[in-house]
Structure formats: C-alpha cells, structure tokens
C-alpha cells in the first residue's frame, strides 16, 4: 500500500466565514490530494450559516465531517478525543487558535498517538477574550511536533522556533484575468483598512473602484463612500469575481502574506500594495506589481496603471503569474510539507 494513502492526515479548524484560513486549508487539501495523500478536513462545530469551505471541499471531492455531528457531546474537545481514538489519524494539522489548542492538548491524552502540527496565520494582536486564546495558543506551541507560520511577523510572535512557509495555490486550473476593475478584496475590518481604499477612490473621482467583502466597517463605508466606489458585499463564489479584476489594491494596516494577493497574481492580476507583512518578498516594484511606503502613494500608482499601454499591462501580468508558479505553487510547497508530516 502507498505510504501516503496509508497515513491519514486531518486538517482541523473551526470555520464560521470563508477567509484566509479557509482558503489556505482548501489549497492545502487540494495539494495533498493531488499528491495521493489520504486527507480529510475536520470541522469542530457546525454553525447556522452556510459553510462555504464545505461547499468548496465537496466541489473538489475532498472528504470532510463535523465533530459536532458525529459525536453527541456538547464538549468539542471530548468529541475530538473520541474521533482520534476511532479513526486513528497519523497527523493532525491545525489552523486557527481553537483547533490548535484542542489538538495540542490532545497529545497529552493517553491513547491519542498522533503527530500534531500547527500553522499560525494571524499577524495582528486581537482584543478581549480572543486575545487570551491567541496568547494561550502561542505559549503552548511547544506541544506541537512542528510549528509553521505564514509570515516572518507571525513567526516572531511565537515564543518557540517556527518555520515560515509560503502560502501557496494550486495554479493548474487558473486562467488569466482580462478584467479592468480596480478592486479591494477582503474583510471590511480595521486591520485590512478598507477606509484607506475609500480615500483612494475619493482621490481619483475619474476612476471606478470596486470593493468585495463584508465586515464590521461595512456600514461606515456605505455612509461615507463616494459615487465611484461600489460595495459588492460578501461573495460566495470568487471565481466569478476574479475575471473582472485588473488591479488588486492592498492597503492593510496589518498583514502576513494574504492569500488574495497570491490568488490575484496567479491569475495575472498585479497588485498595488503598501509595504506591510511579507508582501515585499512577493512584489517587485514595476515588475510584477507595485509597492509603496504609505497608502496615500497608491493614488499615483493607480493613476499610472490606468494609463499604461496594453503591452505594459501584459508584461506585469506575465511576471505576476510567473512569480506564483515558481515560488508559491502547491507543486513547490507540498513536498516540503509532506517531509514534516511523515519524517
């Protein structure tokens, strides 16, 4: 029997909305499946809202289940213990603080012999109760067999050694975008700075701006937006959106290496971004995109891009796609991850 098929890998998370972690887990699951790994996605809890990640997993025929459905207990940790004893996975790779804390405590339970690995995604420092769980997650990370971080900034927050692994995509079925929209794609929250995007739209009234996403700042943006900014709200199917986009604008206050940036560039969409997180490692100014020190400087970049010739835009597009294929594709990253899973 193929060793990878014999060794079951669980990707564990608690998912409420489709965001960066969900995109990462989907791409990881697809990449593992393409390398003949016996992979399954485990959701800690089923919520009333439709689970967009579950719909995508079903689309790609990736198995998944909900602990809360399979085990009749109100304690998700006990459900996880029972699931591990029943199914005997070789590896649990957790994403998000709740999944990470539960699966790390699991290795202390007799009879739960599993290799536990955590990927840390969050670069910003949360507040309130989430701050406590985030801190607990980081300071118990010594229990993990391996610790991965999606950016250098995230790795620096972990008090134990962590390996920075590039975010990645499965690029084989992606097509070049021929869109023309200037777009913001992401959660409408303080760290993503959609208010900066609003100001950029106000600074260029002759251009049209498009904002895709929802979040706590949505009402404020609706009240203050200019006539040339269209708020499209939460998107269920991004594959319909990407072909419309010509330039992705990232003006975040805090960032790691956003999956949206990789998804855009893999489709030949250049990004115009501020110098934040690990984006300087991804973007070569004037070659595959644009990078500036302050978001206000993005106005000149956007105006410059809008007046570029089709040949200049095509060059940016080709270099953007090439960057992802050579450094951020699943074909490059999955073999590295498998080395940590099974050796």
Protein backbone atom coordinates (compact mmCIF):
# COMPACT_ATOMS: atom_id res chain seq x y z
CA UNK A 1 0.00 0.00 0.00
CA UNK A 2 1.18 3.51 -0.84
CA UNK A 3 2.64 5.01 2.34
CA UNK A 4 0.88 8.35 1.84
CA UNK A 5 -2.51 6.70 1.33
CA UNK A 6 -1.99 4.56 4.44
CA UNK A 7 -1.20 7.60 6.62
CA UNK A 8 -4.33 9.62 7.29
CA UNK A 9 -3.94 13.41 7.57
CA UNK A 10 -6.56 15.55 9.26
CA UNK A 11 -6.79 19.31 8.65
CA UNK A 12 -8.60 20.65 11.72
CA UNK A 13 -10.28 24.06 12.00
CA UNK A 14 -13.26 25.95 13.37
CA UNK A 15 -14.85 27.77 10.43
CA UNK A 16 -17.56 30.43 10.51
CA UNK A 17 -16.90 32.56 7.41
CA UNK A 18 -14.74 31.96 4.33
CA UNK A 19 -11.50 33.89 4.85
CA UNK A 20 -7.75 33.50 4.56
CA UNK A 21 -7.52 30.40 6.77
CA UNK A 22 -10.31 28.68 4.83
CA UNK A 23 -8.62 29.49 1.52
CA UNK A 24 -5.32 28.12 2.87
CA UNK A 25 -6.95 24.89 4.09
CA UNK A 26 -8.71 24.40 0.76
CA UNK A 27 -5.49 24.84 -1.21
CA UNK A 28 -3.59 22.60 1.21
CA UNK A 29 -6.23 19.87 0.97
CA UNK A 30 -6.26 20.07 -2.84
CA UNK A 31 -2.48 19.93 -2.97
CA UNK A 32 -2.29 16.94 -0.61
CA UNK A 33 -4.98 15.12 -2.58
CA UNK A 34 -3.07 15.69 -5.82
CA UNK A 35 -0.06 14.04 -4.15
CA UNK A 36 -2.13 10.96 -3.21
CA UNK A 37 -2.35 11.83 0.48
CA UNK A 38 -5.26 10.41 2.47
CA UNK A 39 -6.51 13.81 3.62
CA UNK A 40 -9.71 14.78 5.41
CA UNK A 41 -10.92 18.17 6.69
CA UNK A 42 -12.44 18.18 10.19
CA UNK A 43 -14.71 21.00 11.35
CA UNK A 44 -15.01 21.40 15.11
CA UNK A 45 -18.52 22.82 15.03
CA UNK A 46 -21.42 23.19 12.60
CA UNK A 47 -22.94 26.70 12.61
CA UNK A 48 -26.25 28.01 11.29
CA UNK A 49 -24.57 29.92 8.47
CA UNK A 50 -23.81 28.07 5.27
CA UNK A 51 -20.25 26.69 5.35
CA UNK A 52 -18.59 27.98 2.18
CA UNK A 53 -15.45 25.91 2.73
CA UNK A 54 -17.54 22.74 2.97
CA UNK A 55 -19.16 23.60 -0.37
CA UNK A 56 -15.73 24.04 -1.97
CA UNK A 57 -14.46 20.79 -0.47
CA UNK A 58 -17.46 18.96 -1.90
CA UNK A 59 -16.77 20.55 -5.29
CA UNK A 60 -13.26 19.07 -5.31
CA UNK A 61 -14.41 15.75 -3.76
CA UNK A 62 -12.33 16.24 -0.60
CA UNK A 63 -13.82 14.35 2.37
CA UNK A 64 -14.82 16.25 5.50
CA UNK A 65 -17.00 15.94 8.57
CA UNK A 66 -18.20 17.92 11.61
CA UNK A 67 -17.22 16.70 15.08
CA UNK A 68 -20.47 18.16 16.44
CA UNK A 69 -22.50 15.99 14.01
CA UNK A 70 -20.63 12.74 14.54
CA UNK A 71 -20.42 12.79 18.34
CA UNK A 72 -23.31 13.60 20.67
CA UNK A 73 -21.48 15.70 23.22
CA UNK A 74 -21.53 19.41 23.97
CA UNK A 75 -17.77 19.33 24.59
CA UNK A 76 -15.87 19.54 21.27
CA UNK A 77 -12.60 18.51 22.94
CA UNK A 78 -14.13 15.22 24.13
CA UNK A 79 -15.54 14.74 20.64
CA UNK A 80 -12.06 15.22 19.17
CA UNK A 81 -10.57 12.67 21.59
CA UNK A 82 -13.19 10.11 20.61
CA UNK A 83 -12.71 10.81 16.90
CA UNK A 84 -8.95 10.31 17.12
CA UNK A 85 -9.36 7.05 19.03
CA UNK A 86 -11.91 5.83 16.49
CA UNK A 87 -10.23 6.98 13.26
CA UNK A 88 -6.55 6.92 14.29
CA UNK A 89 -5.15 9.66 12.04
CA UNK A 90 -1.36 9.84 11.72
CA UNK A 91 -1.24 13.64 11.55
CA UNK A 92 -3.47 16.46 12.75
CA UNK A 93 -2.58 19.78 11.13
CA UNK A 94 -4.50 22.56 12.89
CA UNK A 95 -5.43 26.04 11.70
CA UNK A 96 -6.76 28.78 13.97
CA UNK A 97 -6.40 29.12 17.73
CA UNK A 98 -9.31 26.87 18.78
CA UNK A 99 -8.24 23.94 16.61
CA UNK A 100 -4.62 24.45 17.61
CA UNK A 101 -5.30 24.49 21.36
CA UNK A 102 -7.58 21.44 21.23
CA UNK A 103 -5.22 19.34 19.13
CA UNK A 104 -2.16 20.27 21.21
CA UNK A 105 -3.90 19.23 24.42
CA UNK A 106 -4.85 16.02 22.65
CA UNK A 107 -1.24 14.81 22.56
CA UNK A 108 -1.31 14.69 26.37
CA UNK A 109 -4.26 12.25 26.38
CA UNK A 110 -3.37 8.54 26.75
CA UNK A 111 -4.28 6.54 23.65
CA UNK A 112 -4.18 9.55 21.30
CA UNK A 113 -0.97 8.83 19.42
CA UNK A 114 -0.93 11.44 16.69
CA UNK A 115 1.61 13.88 15.25
CA UNK A 116 0.27 17.37 15.91
CA UNK A 117 1.29 20.32 13.70
CA UNK A 118 0.06 23.91 13.95
CA UNK A 119 0.09 26.64 11.34
CA UNK A 120 -0.15 30.16 12.76
CA UNK A 121 -1.97 32.59 10.49
CA UNK A 122 -2.79 35.74 12.48
CA UNK A 123 -0.37 38.65 12.41
CA UNK A 124 -2.49 41.21 14.26
CA UNK A 125 -2.95 41.17 18.04
CA UNK A 126 -6.62 40.52 18.90
CA UNK A 127 -8.53 42.03 21.80
CA UNK A 128 -10.74 40.74 24.60
CA UNK A 129 -11.34 37.04 25.04
CA UNK A 130 -9.76 36.21 21.69
CA UNK A 131 -6.51 37.82 22.94
CA UNK A 132 -6.43 35.29 25.79
CA UNK A 133 -6.95 32.32 23.46
CA UNK A 134 -4.41 33.65 20.97
CA UNK A 135 -1.82 34.02 23.76
CA UNK A 136 -2.61 30.56 25.13
CA UNK A 137 -2.21 29.12 21.65
CA UNK A 138 1.21 30.69 21.14
CA UNK A 139 2.60 29.84 24.58
CA UNK A 140 1.50 26.20 24.37
CA UNK A 141 3.05 25.79 20.93
CA UNK A 142 5.92 23.77 22.45
CA UNK A 143 3.45 20.85 22.46
CA UNK A 144 3.38 20.81 18.65
CA UNK A 145 5.67 18.48 16.74
CA UNK A 146 6.18 21.29 14.22
CA UNK A 147 5.15 24.94 14.10
CA UNK A 148 4.56 26.75 10.81
CA UNK A 149 3.93 30.47 10.32
CA UNK A 150 2.61 32.17 7.19
CA UNK A 151 4.93 35.17 7.56
CA UNK A 152 8.01 36.39 9.41
CA UNK A 153 5.88 38.72 11.52
CA UNK A 154 3.65 35.86 12.63
CA UNK A 155 6.70 33.71 13.42
CA UNK A 156 8.16 36.44 15.64
CA UNK A 157 5.06 36.32 17.85
CA UNK A 158 5.59 32.63 18.66
CA UNK A 159 7.89 32.08 21.68
CA UNK A 160 9.26 28.83 20.22
CA UNK A 161 11.04 28.23 16.89
CA UNK A 162 8.65 28.24 13.92
CA UNK A 163 9.28 27.64 10.25
CA UNK A 164 7.96 30.26 7.85
CA UNK A 165 6.27 28.53 4.92
CA UNK A 166 4.98 30.46 1.94
CA UNK A 167 1.25 30.50 1.36
CA UNK A 168 0.57 28.68 -1.88
CA UNK A 169 -2.01 27.90 -4.55
CA UNK A 170 -2.93 25.14 -6.96
CA UNK A 171 -2.35 27.03 -10.20
CA UNK A 172 -3.09 24.38 -12.81
CA UNK A 173 -6.75 25.29 -13.43
CA UNK A 174 -6.47 29.07 -13.19
CA UNK A 175 -6.93 31.35 -16.21
CA UNK A 176 -5.50 34.80 -16.83
CA UNK A 177 -7.88 37.61 -15.94
CA UNK A 178 -8.72 40.13 -18.62
CA UNK A 179 -10.63 42.33 -16.19
CA UNK A 180 -10.28 46.08 -15.75
CA UNK A 181 -11.62 46.71 -12.24
CA UNK A 182 -9.56 48.40 -9.52
CA UNK A 183 -10.51 46.21 -6.57
CA UNK A 184 -10.26 45.68 -2.83
CA UNK A 185 -10.96 42.08 -1.81
CA UNK A 186 -11.12 41.12 1.84
CA UNK A 187 -12.78 41.51 5.21
CA UNK A 188 -14.02 45.03 5.91
CA UNK A 189 -12.20 45.36 9.22
CA UNK A 190 -9.69 47.76 10.78
CA UNK A 191 -6.57 45.70 10.02
CA UNK A 192 -7.47 45.41 6.31
CA UNK A 193 -8.05 49.20 6.12
CA UNK A 194 -10.96 49.45 3.67
CA UNK A 195 -11.22 53.07 4.84
CA UNK A 196 -7.91 53.68 3.07
CA UNK A 197 -9.40 52.23 -0.11
CA UNK A 198 -12.37 54.59 0.30
CA UNK A 199 -9.98 57.56 0.44
CA UNK A 200 -8.16 56.32 -2.66
CA UNK A 201 -11.48 56.27 -4.52
CA UNK A 202 -12.20 59.81 -3.35
CA UNK A 203 -8.77 60.91 -4.61
CA UNK A 204 -9.44 59.59 -8.13
CA UNK A 205 -13.04 60.52 -9.00
CA UNK A 206 -12.41 59.82 -12.67
CA UNK A 207 -11.83 56.09 -11.99
CA UNK A 208 -14.18 53.34 -10.78
CA UNK A 209 -13.36 51.36 -7.64
CA UNK A 210 -14.85 48.05 -6.51
CA UNK A 211 -14.91 46.60 -3.00
CA UNK A 212 -15.68 42.91 -2.40
CA UNK A 213 -16.23 41.71 1.16
CA UNK A 214 -18.17 42.29 4.36
CA UNK A 215 -17.31 43.03 7.96
CA UNK A 216 -17.71 45.45 10.88
CA UNK A 217 -16.76 48.57 8.86
CA UNK A 218 -19.35 47.97 6.13
CA UNK A 219 -21.96 50.43 7.46
CA UNK A 220 -19.38 53.19 7.86
CA UNK A 221 -18.11 52.67 4.33
CA UNK A 222 -21.64 52.79 2.91
CA UNK A 223 -22.27 56.08 4.68
CA UNK A 224 -19.03 57.74 3.55
CA UNK A 225 -18.32 56.26 0.13
CA UNK A 226 -18.02 58.40 -2.99
CA UNK A 227 -20.04 57.88 -6.17
CA UNK A 228 -17.19 56.00 -7.90
CA UNK A 229 -16.87 53.29 -5.23
CA UNK A 230 -19.17 50.27 -5.49
CA UNK A 231 -19.57 47.96 -2.49
CA UNK A 232 -20.41 44.47 -3.71
CA UNK A 233 -20.66 42.83 -0.27
CA UNK A 234 -19.77 39.28 0.70
CA UNK A 235 -19.01 36.98 -2.23
CA UNK A 236 -19.89 33.30 -2.22
CA UNK A 237 -18.17 32.40 -5.50
CA UNK A 238 -14.91 34.28 -6.07
CA UNK A 239 -14.29 32.53 -9.37
CA UNK A 240 -16.95 34.83 -10.78
CA UNK A 241 -15.22 37.92 -9.37
CA UNK A 242 -11.58 37.37 -10.32
CA UNK A 243 -12.10 37.59 -14.13
CA UNK A 244 -13.43 41.14 -13.62
CA UNK A 245 -10.36 42.40 -11.72
CA UNK A 246 -7.45 44.20 -13.39
CA UNK A 247 -5.60 45.58 -10.34
CA UNK A 248 -5.82 44.40 -6.73
CA UNK A 249 -5.20 47.11 -4.13
CA UNK A 250 -3.89 46.11 -0.69
CA UNK A 251 -3.75 48.96 1.84
CA UNK A 252 -3.79 46.93 5.07
CA UNK A 253 -2.59 48.21 8.44
CA UNK A 254 -1.53 44.66 9.41
CA UNK A 255 -0.84 41.73 7.14
CA UNK A 256 1.06 38.49 6.75
CA UNK A 257 1.10 37.20 3.20
CA UNK A 258 -2.55 37.42 2.14
CA UNK A 259 -3.98 34.62 0.07
CA UNK A 260 -5.86 37.22 -2.00
CA UNK A 261 -2.52 38.54 -3.26
CA UNK A 262 -1.46 35.08 -4.42
CA UNK A 263 -4.86 34.37 -5.96
CA UNK A 264 -4.69 37.62 -7.92
CA UNK A 265 -1.13 37.21 -9.18
CA UNK A 266 -1.72 33.58 -10.13
CA UNK A 267 -4.39 34.92 -12.49
CA UNK A 268 -2.02 37.54 -13.87
CA UNK A 269 -3.55 40.36 -11.82
CA UNK A 270 -0.82 42.70 -10.49
CA UNK A 271 -1.20 44.10 -7.01
CA UNK A 272 -0.63 47.63 -5.75
CA UNK A 273 0.24 47.36 -2.08
CA UNK A 274 1.70 49.12 0.89
CA UNK A 275 4.90 47.77 2.45
CA UNK A 276 3.35 45.50 5.09
CA UNK A 277 3.95 41.96 6.32
CA UNK A 278 5.73 39.71 3.84
CA UNK A 279 4.39 41.46 0.75
CA UNK A 280 7.85 42.95 -0.04
CA UNK A 281 9.04 39.36 -0.57
CA UNK A 282 6.30 38.83 -3.14
CA UNK A 283 6.17 42.11 -5.07
CA UNK A 284 8.95 43.51 -7.25
CA UNK A 285 8.04 47.13 -7.86
CA UNK A 286 7.33 47.82 -11.51
CA UNK A 287 7.94 44.20 -12.47
CA UNK A 288 5.06 42.09 -11.17
CA UNK A 289 3.20 44.80 -9.25
CA UNK A 290 3.72 47.94 -7.20
CA UNK A 291 4.75 48.57 -3.59
CA UNK A 292 4.84 51.86 -1.69
CA UNK A 293 5.60 53.05 1.85
CA UNK A 294 2.26 54.75 2.59
CA UNK A 295 -1.24 54.08 1.29
CA UNK A 296 -1.64 57.66 0.04
CA UNK A 297 1.09 56.95 -2.52
CA UNK A 298 -1.16 54.31 -4.06
CA UNK A 299 -3.19 57.07 -5.73
CA UNK A 300 -0.34 57.86 -8.12
CA UNK A 301 0.23 54.13 -8.73
CA UNK A 302 -3.43 53.56 -9.57
CA UNK A 303 -3.47 56.53 -11.94
CA UNK A 304 -0.25 55.29 -13.53
CA UNK A 305 -1.64 51.77 -14.02
CA UNK A 306 -4.86 53.10 -15.54
CA UNK A 307 -2.90 54.88 -18.31
CA UNK A 308 -0.49 52.03 -19.10
CA UNK A 309 -0.49 50.54 -22.57
CA UNK A 310 -1.84 47.02 -23.13
CA UNK A 311 1.75 45.82 -23.68
CA UNK A 312 2.89 47.24 -20.33
CA UNK A 313 -0.06 45.65 -18.52
CA UNK A 314 0.59 42.32 -20.22
CA UNK A 315 4.21 42.38 -19.03
CA UNK A 316 3.08 42.98 -15.44
CA UNK A 317 0.55 40.19 -15.80
CA UNK A 318 3.02 37.63 -17.09
CA UNK A 319 5.59 38.41 -14.39
CA UNK A 320 2.92 38.21 -11.67
CA UNK A 321 1.81 34.77 -12.81
CA UNK A 322 5.39 33.55 -13.20
CA UNK A 323 6.20 34.60 -9.60
CA UNK A 324 3.42 32.38 -8.23
CA UNK A 325 4.26 29.42 -10.47
CA UNK A 326 7.92 29.43 -9.44
CA UNK A 327 7.67 30.20 -5.71
CA UNK A 328 4.10 29.92 -4.40
CA UNK A 329 2.52 26.92 -6.13
CA UNK A 330 1.41 23.70 -4.44
CA UNK A 331 3.84 21.75 -6.65
CA UNK A 332 6.66 23.64 -4.93
CA UNK A 333 5.35 23.64 -1.35
CA UNK A 334 3.52 20.33 -0.82
CA UNK A 335 6.66 18.13 -0.97
CA UNK A 336 8.20 20.29 1.78
CA UNK A 337 5.11 19.93 3.98
CA UNK A 338 4.98 16.17 3.42
CA UNK A 339 8.52 15.95 4.73
CA UNK A 340 7.31 17.31 8.07
CA UNK A 341 4.21 15.12 8.11
CA UNK A 342 5.90 11.77 7.65
CA UNK A 343 9.58 12.02 8.61
